[in-house]
Amino acid sequence: MPKSARKGSNGITKSDPYAAAAVRKKSSHSNNIFRMNTDLGQHILKNPGVAQAIVDKADLKQSDIVLEIGPGSGNLTVKILEKAKRVIAIEQDPRMAAELTKKVQGTPAAKRLDLVLGDVIKQEKLPYFDVCISNTPYQISSPLTFRLLATSPAPRCCILMFQREFAMRLFARPGDRLYSRLSVNAQMWAKISHVMKVGKNNFNPPPAVESNVVKIVPKVPRPQVAYEEWDGLLRVAFVRKNKTLRSGFLGTSSVLEMLEANYRTFCAQNDITLDDGPSDASSAVDDMEIEDDATLGADEEMEVGDEDDVPDFFKEAADRRAKKLEGNPNRKKRGKVAELVRNKVKKVLEVDSELADKRARMCDEGDFLKLLYSFNQEGIHFS
């Protein structure tokens, strides 16, 4: 009679290697801490070589305070702590924060790590830092970039990992397919350079797209341009970046209505009296001259691919116009103030800047600065 197989402490017989393997597999699953939340952009950088290269590109000093956005389980954090004086890590997921705390617990580095639990975009004010390093959650790429560029005092540099197409937009040049409002805005406030490509297999779980690391060095001193004015101009220009600026400004009623409202505000603030009567010119505007904003959202040439939604005034104006023109859609009344603003815009485009026939995608920073200066000289503002 054969001997009965002995049972181990886990209840599996010694003579059953397949059952033992099953237990090991089950044990492996039970040791998984949690599932990654890809809705929060959780793709952990698992390649230590890439992590080290990112830290090296920051040229950290022993006196540096480093802000890390989305540290995850801390693979980048521990390498930053080896070189920096202190790390301020902002993490939205409490589970990740607990894992990072556990990773440095009991080590000398633990005293040099300040962990902030929350959404970096919702932070009222960012703490002081010299350098920012981030494996950036893709859904906050645009707001995080401009939040960092607006930080005062400006950091020495930011080393940020982005989805490849977003990264390419940051340093696209006039005429490039990806040149956009984001490109002009970012390059206005900083010098941007490409650092390296990072394949999707360097992450756990792998994202659907490839990534790039960029280095952003804010310009010091900052350009003496009001951000709201600058960004407002770019929003209008890039809504239809493949059309001429004449068409974008003079051929879109929503833009003219917005500029008229802003001009009225400017006049009220500067005690300038306006004649608000009906225009002496033709009371109706040729339909070929001004496009219908109701179709704007479906225009195939609209620039909405870089996290830049259509400005609200387009949507609001489309609703107002639809109600206003219900009875007689071919008659579009114009008052003296509207006529005045239209003539000012036309003068800026055709005479002062001579950019009327240029397309936004072909304009460089100097062109947009000339345009903004000329508009402001005429009392036309974008914020």
Protein backbone atom coordinates (compact mmCIF):
# COMPACT_ATOMS: atom_id res chain seq x y z
CA MET A 1 0.00 0.00 0.00
CA PRO A 2 1.59 3.34 -1.04
CA LYS A 3 2.44 5.94 1.54
CA SER A 4 0.04 8.84 1.81
CA ALA A 5 1.47 12.11 0.67
CA ARG A 6 2.43 14.49 3.48
CA LYS A 7 0.61 17.75 3.72
CA GLY A 8 2.43 21.00 4.17
CA SER A 9 1.32 23.88 6.35
CA ASN A 10 -0.60 25.38 3.44
CA GLY A 11 -2.68 22.24 2.99
CA ILE A 12 -1.00 21.18 -0.31
CA THR A 13 0.60 17.78 -0.56
CA LYS A 14 4.34 17.72 -1.19
CA SER A 15 3.87 15.32 -4.09
CA ASP A 16 1.59 17.72 -6.03
CA PRO A 17 3.81 20.37 -7.68
CA TYR A 18 0.93 21.67 -9.85
CA ALA A 19 -1.14 22.48 -6.78
CA ALA A 20 1.87 24.20 -5.24
CA ALA A 21 2.27 26.34 -8.36
CA ALA A 22 -1.40 27.28 -8.11
CA VAL A 23 -0.88 28.45 -4.54
CA ARG A 24 2.13 30.51 -5.57
CA LYS A 25 0.10 32.11 -8.37
CA LYS A 26 -2.74 32.87 -5.98
CA SER A 27 -0.29 34.30 -3.49
CA SER A 28 1.19 36.48 -6.24
CA HIS A 29 -2.26 37.91 -7.04
CA SER A 30 -2.97 38.60 -3.39
CA ASN A 31 0.27 40.56 -3.14
CA ASN A 32 -0.85 42.98 -5.87
CA ILE A 33 -1.51 46.19 -3.96
CA PHE A 34 -4.25 47.60 -6.21
CA ARG A 35 -5.27 48.10 -9.77
CA MET A 36 -3.92 51.19 -11.51
CA ASN A 37 -6.54 53.87 -12.10
CA THR A 38 -5.95 54.78 -15.75
CA ASP A 39 -8.75 57.39 -15.48
CA LEU A 40 -6.28 59.34 -13.33
CA GLY A 41 -3.51 58.72 -15.85
CA GLN A 42 -1.77 56.15 -13.66
CA HIS A 43 0.94 54.57 -15.78
CA ILE A 44 3.88 53.84 -13.50
CA LEU A 45 7.33 54.33 -14.99
CA LYS A 46 8.97 50.97 -14.32
CA ASN A 47 12.26 51.33 -16.22
CA PRO A 48 14.91 52.54 -13.72
CA GLY A 49 17.22 53.56 -16.56
CA VAL A 50 14.64 55.99 -17.96
CA ALA A 51 13.89 57.31 -14.46
CA GLN A 52 17.58 57.97 -13.88
CA ALA A 53 17.96 59.71 -17.25
CA ILE A 54 15.03 62.04 -16.44
CA VAL A 55 16.58 63.00 -13.09
CA ASP A 56 20.00 63.52 -14.69
CA LYS A 57 18.52 65.93 -17.26
CA ALA A 58 17.30 68.17 -14.43
CA ASP A 59 20.92 68.91 -13.35
CA LEU A 60 19.87 68.93 -9.73
CA LYS A 61 21.89 70.66 -7.01
CA GLN A 62 22.16 69.52 -3.41
CA SER A 63 20.33 72.69 -2.36
CA ASP A 64 17.34 72.17 -4.70
CA ILE A 65 13.73 71.79 -3.65
CA VAL A 66 11.98 69.63 -6.24
CA LEU A 67 8.26 69.55 -6.94
CA GLU A 68 7.10 66.18 -8.27
CA ILE A 69 3.61 65.87 -9.74
CA GLY A 70 2.02 62.40 -9.62
CA PRO A 71 4.84 60.44 -7.96
CA GLY A 72 2.87 57.18 -8.06
CA SER A 73 4.71 54.42 -6.24
CA GLY A 74 7.88 56.52 -6.01
CA ASN A 75 10.22 55.09 -8.65
CA LEU A 76 11.23 58.59 -9.72
CA THR A 77 10.95 60.03 -6.22
CA VAL A 78 13.67 57.88 -4.66
CA LYS A 79 16.11 58.85 -7.41
CA ILE A 80 15.30 62.55 -6.98
CA LEU A 81 15.86 62.22 -3.21
CA GLU A 82 19.38 60.94 -3.88
CA LYS A 83 20.33 64.33 -5.39
CA ALA A 84 17.99 67.01 -4.03
CA LYS A 85 17.69 68.68 -0.66
CA ARG A 86 13.95 68.07 -0.44
CA VAL A 87 11.08 66.70 -2.54
CA ILE A 88 7.49 67.97 -2.40
CA ALA A 89 5.34 65.28 -4.01
CA ILE A 90 1.69 65.99 -4.88
CA GLU A 91 -0.36 62.82 -5.31
CA GLN A 92 -4.12 62.57 -5.87
CA ASP A 93 -4.59 58.86 -5.13
CA PRO A 94 -4.43 57.97 -1.38
CA ARG A 95 -3.38 54.41 -2.25
CA MET A 96 -0.35 55.65 -4.17
CA ALA A 97 0.50 58.08 -1.40
CA ALA A 98 0.46 55.22 1.11
CA GLU A 99 2.70 53.12 -1.13
CA LEU A 100 5.20 55.96 -1.52
CA THR A 101 5.24 56.56 2.23
CA LYS A 102 5.90 52.86 2.79
CA LYS A 103 8.76 52.88 0.26
CA VAL A 104 10.77 55.57 2.10
CA GLN A 105 9.66 54.74 5.64
CA GLY A 106 12.58 54.11 7.97
CA THR A 107 15.15 55.59 5.58
CA PRO A 108 17.04 58.90 5.97
CA ALA A 109 15.23 60.17 2.86
CA ALA A 110 11.86 60.00 4.63
CA LYS A 111 12.60 63.25 6.48
CA ARG A 112 13.25 65.04 3.18
CA LEU A 113 9.96 64.03 1.54
CA ASP A 114 6.86 66.21 1.94
CA LEU A 115 3.83 64.36 0.60
CA VAL A 116 0.77 66.46 -0.32
CA LEU A 117 -2.47 64.58 -0.98
CA GLY A 118 -4.66 66.33 -3.56
CA ASP A 119 -5.13 67.57 -7.12
CA VAL A 120 -2.27 69.85 -8.19
CA ILE A 121 -4.57 71.87 -10.48
CA LYS A 122 -6.89 72.65 -7.56
CA GLN A 123 -4.09 73.74 -5.23
CA GLU A 124 -4.69 77.40 -4.41
CA LYS A 125 -0.97 78.11 -4.41
CA LEU A 126 2.00 75.92 -5.20
CA PRO A 127 4.83 75.81 -2.64
CA TYR A 128 8.23 77.25 -3.54
CA PHE A 129 10.38 74.93 -5.66
CA ASP A 130 13.51 75.18 -7.81
CA VAL A 131 12.80 72.36 -10.27
CA CYS A 132 9.70 70.41 -11.28
CA ILE A 133 9.90 66.77 -12.42
CA SER A 134 6.79 64.90 -13.47
CA ASN A 135 5.56 61.76 -15.19
CA THR A 136 2.52 63.87 -16.03
CA PRO A 137 -1.00 62.42 -15.98
CA TYR A 138 -2.00 63.05 -19.60
CA GLN A 139 -5.38 64.61 -18.85
CA ILE A 140 -3.79 67.54 -16.96
CA SER A 141 -0.96 68.20 -19.44
CA SER A 142 -2.19 71.59 -20.67
CA PRO A 143 -3.40 73.11 -17.36
CA LEU A 144 -0.29 71.87 -15.55
CA THR A 145 2.03 73.37 -18.18
CA PHE A 146 0.48 76.83 -17.87
CA ARG A 147 0.21 76.56 -14.09
CA LEU A 148 3.97 76.00 -13.96
CA LEU A 149 4.68 78.81 -16.45
CA ALA A 150 2.60 81.20 -14.34
CA THR A 151 4.45 80.31 -11.12
CA SER A 152 6.30 83.18 -9.45
CA PRO A 153 9.16 83.10 -8.74
CA ALA A 154 9.74 80.99 -11.84
CA PRO A 155 11.42 77.59 -11.38
CA ARG A 156 14.86 77.03 -12.92
CA CYS A 157 13.46 74.32 -15.17
CA CYS A 158 10.76 71.68 -15.52
CA ILE A 159 11.39 68.16 -16.82
CA LEU A 160 8.00 66.80 -17.86
CA MET A 161 6.85 63.60 -19.53
CA PHE A 162 3.88 64.03 -21.88
CA GLN A 163 1.90 62.13 -24.47
CA ARG A 164 3.98 62.37 -27.64
CA GLU A 165 1.60 64.51 -29.70
CA PHE A 166 1.14 67.00 -26.87
CA ALA A 167 4.92 67.26 -26.45
CA MET A 168 5.36 67.85 -30.19
CA ARG A 169 2.82 70.69 -30.04
CA LEU A 170 4.86 72.44 -27.37
CA PHE A 171 7.82 73.06 -29.67
CA ALA A 172 6.08 73.06 -33.08
CA ARG A 173 7.04 75.95 -35.36
CA PRO A 174 4.92 78.12 -37.73
CA GLY A 175 3.79 76.01 -40.69
CA ASP A 176 4.07 72.68 -38.83
CA ARG A 177 0.94 70.50 -38.78
CA LEU A 178 0.84 70.57 -34.96
CA TYR A 179 1.49 74.32 -34.61
CA SER A 180 -1.29 75.72 -32.44
CA ARG A 181 -2.29 78.18 -29.74
CA LEU A 182 -0.49 75.93 -27.27
CA SER A 183 2.76 76.22 -29.27
CA VAL A 184 2.69 80.04 -29.39
CA ASN A 185 1.63 80.39 -25.77
CA ALA A 186 4.24 78.02 -24.34
CA GLN A 187 7.07 79.45 -26.45
CA MET A 188 6.10 82.98 -25.40
CA TRP A 189 6.82 82.26 -21.75
CA ALA A 190 9.57 79.62 -21.95
CA LYS A 191 12.34 77.97 -23.94
CA ILE A 192 11.32 74.39 -24.72
CA SER A 193 13.56 71.55 -25.85
CA HIS A 194 13.07 67.85 -26.54
CA VAL A 195 14.86 65.49 -24.14
CA MET A 196 13.98 61.92 -25.13
CA LYS A 197 11.35 59.51 -26.44
CA VAL A 198 9.93 56.94 -24.04
CA GLY A 199 8.22 53.81 -25.40
CA LYS A 200 4.94 52.61 -23.95
CA ASN A 201 6.52 49.35 -22.69
CA ASN A 202 8.45 51.33 -20.07
CA PHE A 203 5.20 51.77 -18.12
CA ASN A 204 2.91 49.60 -16.05
CA PRO A 205 0.26 49.33 -17.36
CA PRO A 206 1.43 50.38 -20.84
CA PRO A 207 -0.47 53.48 -22.10
CA ALA A 208 -2.11 53.52 -25.51
CA VAL A 209 0.38 56.08 -26.85
CA GLU A 210 4.10 56.77 -26.85
CA SER A 211 5.59 59.46 -24.61
CA ASN A 212 8.20 62.20 -24.83
CA VAL A 213 10.16 64.06 -22.17
CA VAL A 214 10.60 67.82 -22.63
CA LYS A 215 12.60 70.44 -20.76
CA ILE A 216 10.87 73.77 -20.11
CA VAL A 217 12.99 76.72 -18.99
CA PRO A 218 10.81 79.75 -18.09
CA LYS A 219 12.02 83.09 -19.47
CA VAL A 220 13.41 85.37 -16.77
CA PRO A 221 12.38 88.13 -16.61
CA ARG A 222 8.91 87.28 -17.88
CA PRO A 223 7.78 89.05 -21.07
CA GLN A 224 5.89 92.23 -20.18
CA VAL A 225 2.64 91.13 -21.78
CA ALA A 226 -0.70 90.65 -20.01
CA TYR A 227 -1.40 86.92 -20.20
CA GLU A 228 -5.19 87.30 -20.44
CA GLU A 229 -4.87 89.69 -23.40
CA TRP A 230 -2.30 87.53 -25.16
CA ASP A 231 -4.24 84.31 -24.67
CA GLY A 232 -7.51 85.99 -25.66
CA LEU A 233 -6.01 87.08 -28.99
CA LEU A 234 -4.64 83.59 -29.66
CA ARG A 235 -7.97 81.96 -28.85
CA VAL A 236 -9.65 83.98 -31.58
CA ALA A 237 -6.84 83.54 -34.11
CA PHE A 238 -6.55 79.77 -33.72
CA VAL A 239 -10.22 78.82 -33.71
CA ARG A 240 -9.79 78.53 -37.47
CA LYS A 241 -6.03 78.49 -37.90
CA ASN A 242 -6.13 77.62 -41.63
CA LYS A 243 -8.22 80.66 -42.55
CA THR A 244 -6.88 84.18 -42.96
CA LEU A 245 -6.91 86.53 -40.00
CA ARG A 246 -9.31 88.76 -41.98
CA SER A 247 -11.79 85.89 -42.10
CA GLY A 248 -11.24 84.99 -38.44
CA PHE A 249 -11.83 88.50 -37.13
CA LEU A 250 -14.09 90.20 -39.68
CA GLY A 251 -15.93 87.17 -41.01
CA THR A 252 -17.13 85.83 -37.66
CA SER A 253 -19.92 87.78 -35.97
CA SER A 254 -19.23 86.30 -32.52
CA VAL A 255 -15.72 87.77 -32.53
CA LEU A 256 -17.02 91.21 -33.52
CA GLU A 257 -19.72 91.07 -30.84
CA MET A 258 -17.15 90.13 -28.20
CA LEU A 259 -14.78 92.92 -29.28
CA GLU A 260 -17.66 95.43 -29.31
CA ALA A 261 -18.60 94.47 -25.74
CA ASN A 262 -14.97 94.83 -24.62
CA TYR A 263 -14.67 98.20 -26.41
CA ARG A 264 -17.77 99.48 -24.61
CA THR A 265 -16.18 98.48 -21.31
CA PHE A 266 -12.93 100.22 -22.27
CA CYS A 267 -14.81 103.43 -23.15
CA ALA A 268 -16.81 103.35 -19.90
CA GLN A 269 -13.61 102.97 -17.86
CA ASN A 270 -11.93 105.86 -19.71
CA ASP A 271 -14.92 108.26 -19.82
CA ILE A 272 -15.22 108.04 -23.61
CA THR A 273 -18.70 108.90 -24.88
CA LEU A 274 -20.18 106.61 -27.54
CA ASP A 275 -22.91 107.34 -30.07
CA ASP A 276 -25.18 104.35 -29.62
CA GLY A 277 -27.55 105.11 -32.47
CA PRO A 278 -28.13 103.08 -35.64
CA SER A 279 -25.39 103.04 -38.22
CA ASP A 280 -25.50 105.50 -41.12
CA ALA A 281 -24.17 102.70 -43.32
CA SER A 282 -26.37 99.98 -44.78
CA SER A 283 -28.57 98.50 -42.10
CA ALA A 284 -28.13 95.02 -43.45
CA VAL A 285 -24.92 93.07 -43.85
CA ASP A 286 -24.35 90.79 -46.79
CA ASP A 287 -24.62 87.17 -45.66
CA MET A 288 -21.45 86.39 -47.62
CA GLU A 289 -19.56 88.88 -45.45
CA ILE A 290 -20.25 87.33 -42.05
CA GLU A 291 -20.42 83.61 -41.44
CA ASP A 292 -23.09 81.90 -39.39
CA ASP A 293 -21.62 80.99 -35.98
CA ALA A 294 -24.18 78.24 -35.49
CA THR A 295 -22.08 76.02 -37.75
CA LEU A 296 -18.81 76.88 -36.05
CA GLY A 297 -18.71 73.84 -33.83
CA ALA A 298 -18.80 71.49 -36.79
CA ASP A 299 -16.17 73.28 -38.89
CA GLU A 300 -13.52 70.79 -39.90
CA GLU A 301 -10.78 73.44 -39.76
CA MET A 302 -11.32 74.37 -36.15
CA GLU A 303 -8.33 74.16 -33.86
CA VAL A 304 -9.51 71.98 -30.98
CA GLY A 305 -6.87 69.28 -30.91
CA ASP A 306 -4.61 70.66 -28.17
CA GLU A 307 -6.94 70.72 -25.20
CA ASP A 308 -8.24 74.10 -26.37
CA ASP A 309 -12.02 74.21 -26.47
CA VAL A 310 -13.96 76.71 -28.53
CA PRO A 311 -14.17 80.01 -26.57
CA ASP A 312 -17.45 80.38 -24.69
CA PHE A 313 -18.39 83.60 -26.48
CA PHE A 314 -18.80 81.67 -29.76
CA LYS A 315 -21.35 79.34 -28.21
CA GLU A 316 -23.20 82.09 -26.35
CA ALA A 317 -23.34 84.34 -29.42
CA ALA A 318 -24.64 81.51 -31.58
CA ASP A 319 -27.58 81.06 -29.19
CA ARG A 320 -28.32 84.80 -29.10
CA ARG A 321 -28.19 85.12 -32.87
CA ALA A 322 -30.45 82.12 -33.42
CA LYS A 323 -33.15 83.75 -31.27
CA LYS A 324 -32.60 87.23 -32.70
CA LEU A 325 -32.87 86.15 -36.32
CA GLU A 326 -35.77 83.72 -36.00
CA GLY A 327 -38.22 86.07 -37.74
CA ASN A 328 -35.94 87.36 -40.51
CA PRO A 329 -32.63 85.49 -40.79
CA ASN A 330 -31.36 87.59 -43.71
CA ARG A 331 -31.44 90.95 -41.90
CA LYS A 332 -28.58 91.63 -39.51
CA LYS A 333 -28.79 95.06 -37.88
CA ARG A 334 -25.67 97.04 -37.08
CA GLY A 335 -25.32 100.06 -34.78
CA LYS A 336 -22.76 102.87 -34.86
CA VAL A 337 -20.60 101.29 -32.16
CA ALA A 338 -20.52 97.97 -34.00
CA GLU A 339 -19.57 99.82 -37.20
CA LEU A 340 -16.83 101.74 -35.36
CA VAL A 341 -15.35 98.54 -33.89
CA ARG A 342 -15.49 96.79 -37.25
CA ASN A 343 -13.59 99.68 -38.90
CA LYS A 344 -10.98 99.63 -36.14
CA VAL A 345 -10.44 95.87 -36.58
CA LYS A 346 -10.17 96.31 -40.34
CA LYS A 347 -7.61 99.12 -39.91
CA VAL A 348 -5.50 96.99 -37.55
CA LEU A 349 -5.48 93.99 -39.88
CA GLU A 350 -5.02 95.77 -43.20
CA VAL A 351 -3.03 98.91 -42.35
CA ASP A 352 -1.32 98.79 -38.95
CA SER A 353 -0.14 95.15 -38.92
CA GLU A 354 -0.59 94.23 -42.61
CA LEU A 355 -1.48 90.69 -41.48
CA ALA A 356 -5.02 90.49 -42.86
CA ASP A 357 -4.18 87.87 -45.49
CA LYS A 358 -1.89 85.76 -43.29
CA ARG A 359 -3.08 82.54 -41.65
CA ALA A 360 -2.64 81.94 -37.91
CA ARG A 361 -0.71 78.72 -38.53
CA MET A 362 1.92 80.74 -40.44
CA CYS A 363 2.26 83.58 -37.90
CA ASP A 364 5.14 83.67 -35.45
CA GLU A 365 5.40 85.24 -32.02
CA GLY A 366 6.44 88.60 -33.48
CA ASP A 367 3.36 88.72 -35.72
CA PHE A 368 1.01 88.10 -32.80
CA LEU A 369 2.78 90.71 -30.64
CA LYS A 370 2.42 93.28 -33.44
CA LEU A 371 -1.25 92.37 -33.78
CA LEU A 372 -1.95 92.66 -30.05
CA TYR A 373 -0.14 96.00 -29.79
CA SER A 374 -2.08 97.41 -32.75
CA PHE A 375 -5.44 96.28 -31.35
CA ASN A 376 -4.67 97.74 -27.91
CA GLN A 377 -3.66 101.07 -29.49
CA GLU A 378 -7.17 101.26 -30.95
CA GLY A 379 -8.77 100.48 -27.58
CA ILE A 380 -9.64 96.93 -28.68
CA HIS A 381 -9.03 94.36 -25.94
CA PHE A 382 -9.45 90.60 -25.55
CA SER A 383 -10.09 90.26 -21.83
